[in-house]
Amino acid sequence: MSKRRYFKKREKEKKAALERIKILFKLAKQEFPKHPERAHRYARMINDLVKKVRVRLPKDIKRFICRQCSQLLVPGKNLKVKSSKGFMIYECLNCSNTRKYGYEKEKRDKK
């Protein structure tokens, strides 16, 4: 198999994997209120798929899956969100793993 064909095949696999990840995340968010264990299973499936295909998670999905315990994180249920000094601190209530995400406050024009 030539290199070009191999890379085209890999691109197709990555594209299909990203589409499947988005579908699984949407299903996990829908299922969480009624069946949280099913939603957590979907989150683990997303992590397994990311490792297998070696693709990056989109930022909007990455923030709501715990890196340590692979659980779906829902604010107010199993995720504590704090804000301090330009950071949002997410704490998983299942495993106590914490993550910091930066944000910028509105910049004022200096005159």
Protein backbone atom coordinates (compact mmCIF):
# COMPACT_ATOMS: atom_id res chain seq x y z
CA MET A 1 0.00 0.00 0.00
CA SER A 2 1.44 3.35 -0.97
CA LYS A 3 1.88 6.17 1.52
CA ARG A 4 -0.69 8.35 -0.19
CA ARG A 5 -3.38 5.67 -0.04
CA TYR A 6 -2.51 4.95 3.60
CA PHE A 7 -2.90 8.60 4.60
CA LYS A 8 -6.20 8.92 2.73
CA LYS A 9 -7.46 5.84 4.56
CA ARG A 10 -6.33 7.30 7.91
CA GLU A 11 -8.09 10.59 7.16
CA LYS A 12 -11.33 8.74 6.41
CA GLU A 13 -11.00 6.79 9.67
CA LYS A 14 -10.40 9.97 11.67
CA LYS A 15 -13.35 11.73 10.06
CA ALA A 16 -15.66 8.79 10.80
CA ALA A 17 -14.35 8.57 14.37
CA LEU A 18 -15.00 12.28 15.02
CA GLU A 19 -18.53 11.93 13.71
CA ARG A 20 -19.12 8.92 15.94
CA ILE A 21 -17.66 10.77 18.94
CA LYS A 22 -20.06 13.66 18.43
CA ILE A 23 -23.02 11.27 18.17
CA LEU A 24 -21.98 9.38 21.32
CA PHE A 25 -21.54 12.63 23.27
CA LYS A 26 -24.98 13.84 22.21
CA LEU A 27 -26.49 10.51 23.28
CA ALA A 28 -24.65 10.64 26.61
CA LYS A 29 -26.03 14.10 27.38
CA GLN A 30 -29.56 12.94 26.51
CA GLU A 31 -29.34 9.75 28.58
CA PHE A 32 -27.75 11.22 31.72
CA PRO A 33 -30.96 12.35 33.51
CA LYS A 34 -32.67 8.94 33.18
CA HIS A 35 -29.78 6.47 32.89
CA PRO A 36 -26.51 7.90 34.22
CA GLU A 37 -24.69 4.56 34.02
CA ARG A 38 -25.48 4.37 30.29
CA ALA A 39 -24.19 7.92 29.81
CA HIS A 40 -20.95 7.01 31.60
CA ARG A 41 -20.61 3.97 29.34
CA TYR A 42 -20.89 6.26 26.30
CA ALA A 43 -18.16 8.49 27.75
CA ARG A 44 -15.87 5.47 28.21
CA MET A 45 -16.61 4.44 24.62
CA ILE A 46 -15.56 7.92 23.47
CA ASN A 47 -12.25 7.62 25.36
CA ASP A 48 -11.60 4.15 23.93
CA LEU A 49 -12.31 5.40 20.42
CA VAL A 50 -9.96 8.37 20.87
CA LYS A 51 -7.16 6.07 22.00
CA LYS A 52 -7.75 3.55 19.22
CA VAL A 53 -7.95 5.99 16.32
CA ARG A 54 -5.51 8.53 17.86
CA VAL A 55 -7.66 11.57 17.20
CA ARG A 56 -8.02 14.75 19.27
CA LEU A 57 -11.24 15.45 21.09
CA PRO A 58 -12.98 18.73 20.25
CA LYS A 59 -12.69 21.27 23.10
CA ASP A 60 -16.43 21.35 23.80
CA ILE A 61 -16.41 17.58 24.40
CA LYS A 62 -13.03 17.38 26.16
CA ARG A 63 -14.17 19.64 28.99
CA PHE A 64 -17.06 17.38 29.95
CA ILE A 65 -15.29 14.01 30.14
CA CYS A 66 -13.06 13.35 33.14
CA ARG A 67 -9.54 12.33 32.14
CA GLN A 68 -8.96 10.20 35.22
CA CYS A 69 -12.20 8.21 35.62
CA SER A 70 -13.69 8.63 32.09
CA GLN A 71 -17.05 9.78 33.45
CA LEU A 72 -19.41 12.21 31.77
CA LEU A 73 -19.28 15.46 33.75
CA VAL A 74 -22.54 17.34 34.29
CA PRO A 75 -22.36 20.63 36.22
CA GLY A 76 -24.34 20.41 39.45
CA LYS A 77 -24.54 16.61 39.40
CA ASN A 78 -20.99 15.28 39.43
CA LEU A 79 -18.98 18.39 38.52
CA LYS A 80 -18.12 21.37 40.70
CA VAL A 81 -17.24 24.56 38.81
CA LYS A 82 -15.35 27.41 40.50
CA SER A 83 -14.01 30.61 39.00
CA SER A 84 -10.96 32.45 40.27
CA LYS A 85 -8.38 34.85 38.81
CA GLY A 86 -9.03 34.21 35.14
CA PHE A 87 -9.50 30.45 35.49
CA MET A 88 -12.47 28.12 35.57
CA ILE A 89 -11.69 25.17 37.86
CA TYR A 90 -13.60 21.97 37.13
CA GLU A 91 -13.58 19.32 39.88
CA CYS A 92 -14.92 15.82 39.27
CA LEU A 93 -16.92 14.72 42.30
CA ASN A 94 -16.36 11.02 41.50
CA CYS A 95 -12.56 10.98 41.63
CA SER A 96 -11.68 14.53 42.87
CA ASN A 97 -9.65 15.24 39.73
CA THR A 98 -9.32 18.98 39.04
CA ARG A 99 -8.73 20.78 35.73
CA LYS A 100 -8.09 24.48 35.07
CA TYR A 101 -9.37 26.25 31.99
CA GLY A 102 -8.34 29.84 31.35
CA TYR A 103 -10.59 32.60 30.16
CA GLU A 104 -10.09 36.29 29.46
CA LYS A 105 -12.17 38.99 30.99
CA GLU A 106 -13.39 41.78 28.76
CA LYS A 107 -10.52 44.06 27.86
CA ARG A 108 -11.08 47.75 28.38
CA ASP A 109 -9.76 50.36 26.00
CA LYS A 110 -7.08 52.53 27.59
CA LYS A 111 -7.25 56.22 26.77
